[in-house]
Amino acid sequence: MVSVRVSSVKYLEVDGHYVIYHTANGTFPEYTTMKDAYGKLNRSYFVFANRSALVNLHYVTSVTKDSVYVGEARIDISRPQRKPFLSSMAEFMGGKL
């Protein structure tokens, strides 16, 4: 088992029965559900881009209409999550989006 600092987690994605933690120090899989992984995180900084991806707003480098970029990684924003994601991003940035 690897211990990962929450502050180093850039984003999480689901791959089968695993949640993959993408961190500043590499990727780490955990056999768990996204719901359980989400429960371990600071919810004010992590926002769902879609059902399979959870993004740390501290690491967002750009946002387009349909995608969010975390460094070089492009993550699709689903239609149902678009408004809540953009709202959370705007609030995180102090209302400037």
PDB file of N, CA and C in Angstrom:
ATOM      1  N   MET A   1       0.836  -1.177   0.000  1.00  0.00           N
ATOM      2  CA  MET A   1       0.000   0.000   0.000  1.00  0.00           C
ATOM      3  C   MET A   1       0.882   1.242   0.000  1.00  0.00           C
ATOM      4  N   VAL A   2       0.553   2.201  -0.859  1.00  0.00           N
ATOM      5  CA  VAL A   2       1.312   3.426  -0.982  1.00  0.00           C
ATOM      6  C   VAL A   2       0.540   4.552  -0.312  1.00  0.00           C
ATOM      7  N   SER A   3       1.227   5.367   0.458  1.00  0.00           N
ATOM      8  CA  SER A   3       0.606   6.527   1.076  1.00  0.00           C
ATOM      9  C   SER A   3       0.786   7.719   0.147  1.00  0.00           C
ATOM     10  N   VAL A   4      -0.322   8.383  -0.172  1.00  0.00           N
ATOM     11  CA  VAL A   4      -0.296   9.509  -1.098  1.00  0.00           C
ATOM     12  C   VAL A   4      -0.836  10.742  -0.382  1.00  0.00           C
ATOM     13  N   ARG A   5      -0.121  11.851  -0.473  1.00  0.00           N
ATOM     14  CA  ARG A   5      -0.603  13.104   0.114  1.00  0.00           C
ATOM     15  C   ARG A   5      -1.736  13.642  -0.754  1.00  0.00           C
ATOM     16  N   VAL A   6      -2.818  14.018  -0.136  1.00  0.00           N
ATOM     17  CA  VAL A   6      -3.970  14.536  -0.864  1.00  0.00           C
ATOM     18  C   VAL A   6      -3.575  15.777  -1.664  1.00  0.00           C
ATOM     19  N   SER A   7      -2.716  16.615  -1.124  1.00  0.00           N
ATOM     20  CA  SER A   7      -2.317  17.842  -1.817  1.00  0.00           C
ATOM     21  C   SER A   7      -1.542  17.575  -3.098  1.00  0.00           C
ATOM     22  N   SER A   8      -0.981  16.363  -3.248  1.00  0.00           N
ATOM     23  CA  SER A   8      -0.226  16.044  -4.461  1.00  0.00           C
ATOM     24  C   SER A   8      -1.089  15.387  -5.540  1.00  0.00           C
ATOM     25  N   VAL A   9      -2.347  15.085  -5.227  1.00  0.00           N
ATOM     26  CA  VAL A   9      -3.237  14.435  -6.185  1.00  0.00           C
ATOM     27  C   VAL A   9      -3.752  15.468  -7.184  1.00  0.00           C
ATOM     28  N   LYS A  10      -3.445  15.263  -8.462  1.00  0.00           N
ATOM     29  CA  LYS A  10      -3.888  16.171  -9.522  1.00  0.00           C
ATOM     30  C   LYS A  10      -5.300  15.827  -9.973  1.00  0.00           C
ATOM     31  N   TYR A  11      -5.527  14.544 -10.224  1.00  0.00           N
ATOM     32  CA  TYR A  11      -6.861  14.072 -10.583  1.00  0.00           C
ATOM     33  C   TYR A  11      -6.938  12.573 -10.378  1.00  0.00           C
ATOM     34  N   LEU A  12      -8.166  12.075 -10.347  1.00  0.00           N
ATOM     35  CA  LEU A  12      -8.427  10.656 -10.203  1.00  0.00           C
ATOM     36  C   LEU A  12      -9.271  10.222 -11.386  1.00  0.00           C
ATOM     37  N   GLU A  13      -9.056   8.996 -11.823  1.00  0.00           N
ATOM     38  CA  GLU A  13      -9.897   8.439 -12.880  1.00  0.00           C
ATOM     39  C   GLU A  13     -10.166   6.973 -12.591  1.00  0.00           C
ATOM     40  N   VAL A  14     -11.303   6.513 -13.065  1.00  0.00           N
ATOM     41  CA  VAL A  14     -11.693   5.114 -12.881  1.00  0.00           C
ATOM     42  C   VAL A  14     -11.166   4.300 -14.043  1.00  0.00           C
ATOM     43  N   ASP A  15     -10.609   3.135 -13.718  1.00  0.00           N
ATOM     44  CA  ASP A  15     -10.167   2.176 -14.724  1.00  0.00           C
ATOM     45  C   ASP A  15     -10.596   0.797 -14.233  1.00  0.00           C
ATOM     46  N   GLY A  16     -11.735   0.341 -14.721  1.00  0.00           N
ATOM     47  CA  GLY A  16     -12.277  -0.934 -14.251  1.00  0.00           C
ATOM     48  C   GLY A  16     -12.702  -0.820 -12.803  1.00  0.00           C
ATOM     49  N   HIS A  17     -12.147  -1.691 -11.957  1.00  0.00           N
ATOM     50  CA  HIS A  17     -12.460  -1.667 -10.530  1.00  0.00           C
ATOM     51  C   HIS A  17     -11.425  -0.876  -9.736  1.00  0.00           C
ATOM     52  N   TYR A  18     -10.578  -0.148 -10.424  1.00  0.00           N
ATOM     53  CA  TYR A  18      -9.529   0.624  -9.770  1.00  0.00           C
ATOM     54  C   TYR A  18      -9.765   2.121  -9.954  1.00  0.00           C
ATOM     55  N   VAL A  19      -9.356   2.889  -8.966  1.00  0.00           N
ATOM     56  CA  VAL A  19      -9.273   4.336  -9.089  1.00  0.00           C
ATOM     57  C   VAL A  19      -7.787   4.639  -9.208  1.00  0.00           C
ATOM     58  N   ILE A  20      -7.433   5.367 -10.245  1.00  0.00           N
ATOM     59  CA  ILE A  20      -6.042   5.729 -10.491  1.00  0.00           C
ATOM     60  C   ILE A  20      -5.821   7.147  -9.979  1.00  0.00           C
ATOM     61  N   TYR A  21      -4.909   7.286  -9.034  1.00  0.00           N
ATOM     62  CA  TYR A  21      -4.540   8.594  -8.494  1.00  0.00           C
ATOM     63  C   TYR A  21      -3.382   9.128  -9.325  1.00  0.00           C
ATOM     64  N   HIS A  22      -3.596  10.230 -10.008  1.00  0.00           N
ATOM     65  CA  HIS A  22      -2.535  10.887 -10.776  1.00  0.00           C
ATOM     66  C   HIS A  22      -1.975  11.978  -9.880  1.00  0.00           C
ATOM     67  N   THR A  23      -0.710  11.825  -9.502  1.00  0.00           N
ATOM     68  CA  THR A  23      -0.098  12.749  -8.551  1.00  0.00           C
ATOM     69  C   THR A  23       1.140  13.402  -9.161  1.00  0.00           C
ATOM     70  N   ALA A  24       1.707  14.297  -8.413  1.00  0.00           N
ATOM     71  CA  ALA A  24       2.948  14.946  -8.822  1.00  0.00           C
ATOM     72  C   ALA A  24       4.091  13.934  -8.877  1.00  0.00           C
ATOM     73  N   ASN A  25       3.943  12.810  -8.195  1.00  0.00           N
ATOM     74  CA  ASN A  25       4.997  11.797  -8.123  1.00  0.00           C
ATOM     75  C   ASN A  25       4.696  10.528  -8.912  1.00  0.00           C
ATOM     76  N   GLY A  26       3.708  10.573  -9.790  1.00  0.00           N
ATOM     77  CA  GLY A  26       3.365   9.399 -10.593  1.00  0.00           C
ATOM     78  C   GLY A  26       1.927   8.992 -10.396  1.00  0.00           C
ATOM     79  N   THR A  27       1.595   7.801 -10.900  1.00  0.00           N
ATOM     80  CA  THR A  27       0.235   7.287 -10.785  1.00  0.00           C
ATOM     81  C   THR A  27       0.205   6.098  -9.843  1.00  0.00           C
ATOM     82  N   PHE A  28      -0.896   6.000  -9.101  1.00  0.00           N
ATOM     83  CA  PHE A  28      -1.041   4.938  -8.115  1.00  0.00           C
ATOM     84  C   PHE A  28      -2.459   4.390  -8.175  1.00  0.00           C
ATOM     85  N   PRO A  29      -2.609   3.109  -8.492  1.00  0.00           N
ATOM     86  CA  PRO A  29      -3.951   2.515  -8.524  1.00  0.00           C
ATOM     87  C   PRO A  29      -4.377   2.056  -7.133  1.00  0.00           C
ATOM     88  N   GLU A  30      -5.675   2.116  -6.897  1.00  0.00           N
ATOM     89  CA  GLU A  30      -6.237   1.586  -5.656  1.00  0.00           C
ATOM     90  C   GLU A  30      -7.515   0.838  -6.017  1.00  0.00           C
ATOM     91  N   TYR A  31      -7.659  -0.350  -5.492  1.00  0.00           N
ATOM     92  CA  TYR A  31      -8.868  -1.142  -5.724  1.00  0.00           C
ATOM     93  C   TYR A  31      -9.957  -0.579  -4.822  1.00  0.00           C
ATOM     94  N   THR A  32     -10.786   0.300  -5.392  1.00  0.00           N
ATOM     95  CA  THR A  32     -11.835   0.964  -4.630  1.00  0.00           C
ATOM     96  C   THR A  32     -12.847   1.551  -5.593  1.00  0.00           C
ATOM     97  N   THR A  33     -13.857   2.188  -5.060  1.00  0.00           N
ATOM     98  CA  THR A  33     -14.834   2.893  -5.885  1.00  0.00           C
ATOM     99  C   THR A  33     -14.512   4.385  -5.854  1.00  0.00           C
ATOM    100  N   MET A  34     -15.007   5.101  -6.843  1.00  0.00           N
ATOM    101  CA  MET A  34     -14.806   6.547  -6.878  1.00  0.00           C
ATOM    102  C   MET A  34     -15.493   7.200  -5.673  1.00  0.00           C
ATOM    103  N   LYS A  35     -16.630   6.663  -5.283  1.00  0.00           N
ATOM    104  CA  LYS A  35     -17.357   7.195  -4.131  1.00  0.00           C
ATOM    105  C   LYS A  35     -16.500   7.115  -2.869  1.00  0.00           C
ATOM    106  N   ASP A  36     -15.851   5.979  -2.646  1.00  0.00           N
ATOM    107  CA  ASP A  36     -14.991   5.825  -1.467  1.00  0.00           C
ATOM    108  C   ASP A  36     -13.756   6.716  -1.555  1.00  0.00           C
ATOM    109  N   ALA A  37     -13.179   6.813  -2.739  1.00  0.00           N
ATOM    110  CA  ALA A  37     -12.005   7.671  -2.932  1.00  0.00           C
ATOM    111  C   ALA A  37     -12.377   9.129  -2.681  1.00  0.00           C
ATOM    112  N   TYR A  38     -13.517   9.552  -3.176  1.00  0.00           N
ATOM    113  CA  TYR A  38     -13.996  10.923  -2.990  1.00  0.00           C
ATOM    114  C   TYR A  38     -14.185  11.237  -1.513  1.00  0.00           C
ATOM    115  N   GLY A  39     -14.624  10.264  -0.755  1.00  0.00           N
ATOM    116  CA  GLY A  39     -14.820  10.451   0.683  1.00  0.00           C
ATOM    117  C   GLY A  39     -13.532  10.715   1.445  1.00  0.00           C
ATOM    118  N   LYS A  40     -12.397  10.365   0.876  1.00  0.00           N
ATOM    119  CA  LYS A  40     -11.096  10.561   1.529  1.00  0.00           C
ATOM    120  C   LYS A  40     -10.475  11.922   1.225  1.00  0.00           C
ATOM    121  N   LEU A  41     -11.089  12.680   0.308  1.00  0.00           N
ATOM    122  CA  LEU A  41     -10.475  13.914  -0.183  1.00  0.00           C
ATOM    123  C   LEU A  41     -11.136  15.155   0.385  1.00  0.00           C
ATOM    124  N   ASN A  42     -10.426  16.291   0.261  1.00  0.00           N
ATOM    125  CA  ASN A  42     -10.973  17.588   0.633  1.00  0.00           C
ATOM    126  C   ASN A  42     -11.943  17.993  -0.472  1.00  0.00           C
ATOM    127  N   ARG A  43     -13.211  17.906  -0.208  1.00  0.00           N
ATOM    128  CA  ARG A  43     -14.224  18.095  -1.245  1.00  0.00           C
ATOM    129  C   ARG A  43     -14.292  19.513  -1.785  1.00  0.00           C
ATOM    130  N   SER A  44     -13.744  20.475  -1.106  1.00  0.00           N
ATOM    131  CA  SER A  44     -13.811  21.846  -1.620  1.00  0.00           C
ATOM    132  C   SER A  44     -12.862  22.056  -2.793  1.00  0.00           C
ATOM    133  N   TYR A  45     -11.857  21.203  -2.950  1.00  0.00           N
ATOM    134  CA  TYR A  45     -10.888  21.341  -4.035  1.00  0.00           C
ATOM    135  C   TYR A  45     -11.075  20.323  -5.156  1.00  0.00           C
ATOM    136  N   PHE A  46     -11.808  19.282  -4.913  1.00  0.00           N
ATOM    137  CA  PHE A  46     -12.002  18.224  -5.905  1.00  0.00           C
ATOM    138  C   PHE A  46     -13.414  18.290  -6.472  1.00  0.00           C
ATOM    139  N   VAL A  47     -13.504  18.295  -7.803  1.00  0.00           N
ATOM    140  CA  VAL A  47     -14.783  18.435  -8.486  1.00  0.00           C
ATOM    141  C   VAL A  47     -14.866  17.379  -9.590  1.00  0.00           C
ATOM    142  N   PHE A  48     -16.043  16.794  -9.754  1.00  0.00           N
ATOM    143  CA  PHE A  48     -16.242  15.820 -10.819  1.00  0.00           C
ATOM    144  C   PHE A  48     -16.321  16.524 -12.165  1.00  0.00           C
ATOM    145  N   ALA A  49     -15.521  16.052 -13.107  1.00  0.00           N
ATOM    146  CA  ALA A  49     -15.619  16.512 -14.496  1.00  0.00           C
ATOM    147  C   ALA A  49     -16.594  15.603 -15.246  1.00  0.00           C
ATOM    148  N   ASN A  50     -16.633  14.355 -14.847  1.00  0.00           N
ATOM    149  CA  ASN A  50     -17.576  13.366 -15.372  1.00  0.00           C
ATOM    150  C   ASN A  50     -17.671  12.249 -14.343  1.00  0.00           C
ATOM    151  N   ARG A  51     -18.447  11.219 -14.626  1.00  0.00           N
ATOM    152  CA  ARG A  51     -18.629  10.144 -13.632  1.00  0.00           C
ATOM    153  C   ARG A  51     -17.342   9.412 -13.307  1.00  0.00           C
ATOM    154  N   SER A  52     -16.378   9.468 -14.205  1.00  0.00           N
ATOM    155  CA  SER A  52     -15.156   8.689 -14.043  1.00  0.00           C
ATOM    156  C   SER A  52     -13.923   9.515 -13.731  1.00  0.00           C
ATOM    157  N   ALA A  53     -14.080  10.822 -13.571  1.00  0.00           N
ATOM    158  CA  ALA A  53     -12.908  11.667 -13.332  1.00  0.00           C
ATOM    159  C   ALA A  53     -13.212  12.748 -12.310  1.00  0.00           C
ATOM    160  N   LEU A  54     -12.299  12.877 -11.367  1.00  0.00           N
ATOM    161  CA  LEU A  54     -12.389  13.853 -10.291  1.00  0.00           C
ATOM    162  C   LEU A  54     -11.123  14.702 -10.350  1.00  0.00           C
ATOM    163  N   VAL A  55     -11.279  16.017 -10.427  1.00  0.00           N
ATOM    164  CA  VAL A  55     -10.159  16.920 -10.690  1.00  0.00           C
ATOM    165  C   VAL A  55      -9.877  17.796  -9.476  1.00  0.00           C
ATOM    166  N   ASN A  56      -8.592  17.946  -9.139  1.00  0.00           N
ATOM    167  CA  ASN A  56      -8.157  18.883  -8.104  1.00  0.00           C
ATOM    168  C   ASN A  56      -8.025  20.250  -8.764  1.00  0.00           C
ATOM    169  N   LEU A  57      -8.820  21.211  -8.349  1.00  0.00           N
ATOM    170  CA  LEU A  57      -8.842  22.532  -8.972  1.00  0.00           C
ATOM    171  C   LEU A  57      -7.514  23.264  -8.881  1.00  0.00           C
ATOM    172  N   HIS A  58      -6.678  22.911  -7.933  1.00  0.00           N
ATOM    173  CA  HIS A  58      -5.353  23.532  -7.804  1.00  0.00           C
ATOM    174  C   HIS A  58      -4.466  23.246  -9.013  1.00  0.00           C
ATOM    175  N   TYR A  59      -4.716  22.155  -9.707  1.00  0.00           N
ATOM    176  CA  TYR A  59      -3.849  21.730 -10.807  1.00  0.00           C
ATOM    177  C   TYR A  59      -4.426  22.010 -12.198  1.00  0.00           C
ATOM    178  N   VAL A  60      -5.587  22.629 -12.284  1.00  0.00           N
ATOM    179  CA  VAL A  60      -6.200  22.930 -13.580  1.00  0.00           C
ATOM    180  C   VAL A  60      -5.367  23.991 -14.289  1.00  0.00           C
ATOM    181  N   THR A  61      -4.973  23.700 -15.529  1.00  0.00           N
ATOM    182  CA  THR A  61      -4.190  24.659 -16.305  1.00  0.00           C
ATOM    183  C   THR A  61      -5.037  25.409 -17.311  1.00  0.00           C
ATOM    184  N   SER A  62      -6.127  24.804 -17.791  1.00  0.00           N
ATOM    185  CA  SER A  62      -7.055  25.516 -18.670  1.00  0.00           C
ATOM    186  C   SER A  62      -8.371  24.750 -18.759  1.00  0.00           C
ATOM    187  N   VAL A  63      -9.400  25.486 -19.184  1.00  0.00           N
ATOM    188  CA  VAL A  63     -10.732  24.918 -19.325  1.00  0.00           C
ATOM    189  C   VAL A  63     -11.295  25.381 -20.661  1.00  0.00           C
ATOM    190  N   THR A  64     -11.887  24.443 -21.408  1.00  0.00           N
ATOM    191  CA  THR A  64     -12.603  24.784 -22.631  1.00  0.00           C
ATOM    192  C   THR A  64     -14.069  24.428 -22.403  1.00  0.00           C
ATOM    193  N   LYS A  65     -14.866  24.587 -23.413  1.00  0.00           N
ATOM    194  CA  LYS A  65     -16.295  24.293 -23.284  1.00  0.00           C
ATOM    195  C   LYS A  65     -16.549  22.851 -22.853  1.00  0.00           C
ATOM    196  N   ASP A  66     -15.778  21.913 -23.402  1.00  0.00           N
ATOM    197  CA  ASP A  66     -16.025  20.496 -23.162  1.00  0.00           C
ATOM    198  C   ASP A  66     -14.929  19.760 -22.401  1.00  0.00           C
ATOM    199  N   SER A  67     -13.834  20.457 -22.063  1.00  0.00           N
ATOM    200  CA  SER A  67     -12.700  19.768 -21.458  1.00  0.00           C
ATOM    201  C   SER A  67     -12.029  20.614 -20.387  1.00  0.00           C
ATOM    202  N   VAL A  68     -11.327  19.912 -19.525  1.00  0.00           N
ATOM    203  CA  VAL A  68     -10.465  20.563 -18.552  1.00  0.00           C
ATOM    204  C   VAL A  68      -9.076  19.955 -18.737  1.00  0.00           C
ATOM    205  N   TYR A  69      -8.073  20.792 -18.637  1.00  0.00           N
ATOM    206  CA  TYR A  69      -6.696  20.323 -18.764  1.00  0.00           C
ATOM    207  C   TYR A  69      -6.014  20.404 -17.409  1.00  0.00           C
ATOM    208  N   VAL A  70      -5.402  19.304 -17.047  1.00  0.00           N
ATOM    209  CA  VAL A  70      -4.602  19.222 -15.835  1.00  0.00           C
ATOM    210  C   VAL A  70      -3.208  18.908 -16.335  1.00  0.00           C
ATOM    211  N   GLY A  71      -2.390  19.954 -16.464  1.00  0.00           N
ATOM    212  CA  GLY A  71      -1.115  19.790 -17.140  1.00  0.00           C
ATOM    213  C   GLY A  71      -1.393  19.439 -18.589  1.00  0.00           C
ATOM    214  N   GLU A  72      -0.818  18.353 -19.065  1.00  0.00           N
ATOM    215  CA  GLU A  72      -1.017  17.898 -20.443  1.00  0.00           C
ATOM    216  C   GLU A  72      -2.233  16.981 -20.586  1.00  0.00           C
ATOM    217  N   ALA A  73      -2.781  16.525 -19.463  1.00  0.00           N
ATOM    218  CA  ALA A  73      -3.912  15.591 -19.502  1.00  0.00           C
ATOM    219  C   ALA A  73      -5.206  16.332 -19.827  1.00  0.00           C
ATOM    220  N   ARG A  74      -5.919  15.829 -20.844  1.00  0.00           N
ATOM    221  CA  ARG A  74      -7.220  16.385 -21.228  1.00  0.00           C
ATOM    222  C   ARG A  74      -8.308  15.489 -20.666  1.00  0.00           C
ATOM    223  N   ILE A  75      -9.232  16.087 -19.917  1.00  0.00           N
ATOM    224  CA  ILE A  75     -10.319  15.336 -19.304  1.00  0.00           C
ATOM    225  C   ILE A  75     -11.630  15.935 -19.797  1.00  0.00           C
ATOM    226  N   ASP A  76     -12.487  15.088 -20.341  1.00  0.00           N
ATOM    227  CA  ASP A  76     -13.781  15.553 -20.832  1.00  0.00           C
ATOM    228  C   ASP A  76     -14.681  15.957 -19.676  1.00  0.00           C
ATOM    229  N   ILE A  77     -15.418  17.047 -19.882  1.00  0.00           N
ATOM    230  CA  ILE A  77     -16.440  17.463 -18.928  1.00  0.00           C
ATOM    231  C   ILE A  77     -17.772  17.007 -19.509  1.00  0.00           C
ATOM    232  N   SER A  78     -18.485  16.164 -18.772  1.00  0.00           N
ATOM    233  CA  SER A  78     -19.764  15.659 -19.267  1.00  0.00           C
ATOM    234  C   SER A  78     -20.812  16.765 -19.238  1.00  0.00           C
ATOM    235  N   ARG A  79     -21.820  16.615 -20.057  1.00  0.00           N
ATOM    236  CA  ARG A  79     -22.886  17.618 -20.117  1.00  0.00           C
ATOM    237  C   ARG A  79     -23.544  17.840 -18.750  1.00  0.00           C
ATOM    238  N   PRO A  80     -23.902  16.776 -17.998  1.00  0.00           N
ATOM    239  CA  PRO A  80     -24.529  17.015 -16.684  1.00  0.00           C
ATOM    240  C   PRO A  80     -23.590  17.683 -15.672  1.00  0.00           C
ATOM    241  N   GLN A  81     -22.290  17.501 -15.825  1.00  0.00           N
ATOM    242  CA  GLN A  81     -21.330  18.068 -14.870  1.00  0.00           C
ATOM    243  C   GLN A  81     -20.807  19.438 -15.295  1.00  0.00           C
ATOM    244  N   ARG A  82     -21.093  19.879 -16.506  1.00  0.00           N
ATOM    245  CA  ARG A  82     -20.519  21.124 -17.025  1.00  0.00           C
ATOM    246  C   ARG A  82     -20.834  22.324 -16.128  1.00  0.00           C
ATOM    247  N   LYS A  83     -22.103  22.534 -15.839  1.00  0.00           N
ATOM    248  CA  LYS A  83     -22.491  23.701 -15.040  1.00  0.00           C
ATOM    249  C   LYS A  83     -21.916  23.635 -13.614  1.00  0.00           C
ATOM    250  N   PRO A  84     -22.060  22.503 -12.893  1.00  0.00           N
ATOM    251  CA  PRO A  84     -21.467  22.445 -11.547  1.00  0.00           C
ATOM    252  C   PRO A  84     -19.943  22.583 -11.569  1.00  0.00           C
ATOM    253  N   PHE A  85     -19.300  21.997 -12.589  1.00  0.00           N
ATOM    254  CA  PHE A  85     -17.843  22.093 -12.667  1.00  0.00           C
ATOM    255  C   PHE A  85     -17.413  23.539 -12.884  1.00  0.00           C
ATOM    256  N   LEU A  86     -18.019  24.201 -13.872  1.00  0.00           N
ATOM    257  CA  LEU A  86     -17.642  25.582 -14.174  1.00  0.00           C
ATOM    258  C   LEU A  86     -17.968  26.519 -13.016  1.00  0.00           C
ATOM    259  N   SER A  87     -19.052  26.258 -12.330  1.00  0.00           N
ATOM    260  CA  SER A  87     -19.418  27.054 -11.154  1.00  0.00           C
ATOM    261  C   SER A  87     -18.384  26.891 -10.049  1.00  0.00           C
ATOM    262  N   SER A  88     -17.977  25.659  -9.788  1.00  0.00           N
ATOM    263  CA  SER A  88     -16.954  25.397  -8.770  1.00  0.00           C
ATOM    264  C   SER A  88     -15.623  26.016  -9.153  1.00  0.00           C
ATOM    265  N   MET A  89     -15.290  25.941 -10.429  1.00  0.00           N
ATOM    266  CA  MET A  89     -14.042  26.538 -10.919  1.00  0.00           C
ATOM    267  C   MET A  89     -14.072  28.054 -10.735  1.00  0.00           C
ATOM    268  N   ALA A  90     -15.193  28.689 -11.073  1.00  0.00           N
ATOM    269  CA  ALA A  90     -15.329  30.136 -10.917  1.00  0.00           C
ATOM    270  C   ALA A  90     -15.230  30.542  -9.450  1.00  0.00           C
ATOM    271  N   GLU A  91     -15.886  29.777  -8.579  1.00  0.00           N
ATOM    272  CA  GLU A  91     -15.826  30.073  -7.151  1.00  0.00           C
ATOM    273  C   GLU A  91     -14.396  29.913  -6.625  1.00  0.00           C
ATOM    274  N   PHE A  92     -13.727  28.870  -7.080  1.00  0.00           N
ATOM    275  CA  PHE A  92     -12.340  28.613  -6.672  1.00  0.00           C
ATOM    276  C   PHE A  92     -11.419  29.769  -7.083  1.00  0.00           C
ATOM    277  N   MET A  93     -11.683  30.331  -8.265  1.00  0.00           N
ATOM    278  CA  MET A  93     -10.851  31.411  -8.770  1.00  0.00           C
ATOM    279  C   MET A  93     -11.321  32.785  -8.273  1.00  0.00           C
ATOM    280  N   GLY A  94     -12.258  32.800  -7.375  1.00  0.00           N
ATOM    281  CA  GLY A  94     -12.741  34.056  -6.840  1.00  0.00           C
ATOM    282  C   GLY A  94     -13.737  34.751  -7.742  1.00  0.00           C
ATOM    283  N   GLY A  95     -14.501  33.959  -8.477  1.00  0.00           N
ATOM    284  CA  GLY A  95     -15.526  34.501  -9.349  1.00  0.00           C
ATOM    285  C   GLY A  95     -15.021  34.954 -10.707  1.00  0.00           C
ATOM    286  N   LYS A  96     -13.752  34.668 -11.019  1.00  0.00           N
ATOM    287  CA  LYS A  96     -13.163  35.094 -12.297  1.00  0.00           C
ATOM    288  C   LYS A  96     -12.960  33.910 -13.210  1.00  0.00           C
ATOM    289  N   LEU A  97     -13.909  33.699 -14.098  1.00  0.00           N
ATOM    290  CA  LEU A  97     -13.753  32.608 -15.066  1.00  0.00           C
ATOM    291  C   LEU A  97     -14.070  33.111 -16.439  1.00  0.00           C
TER     292      LEU A  97
END
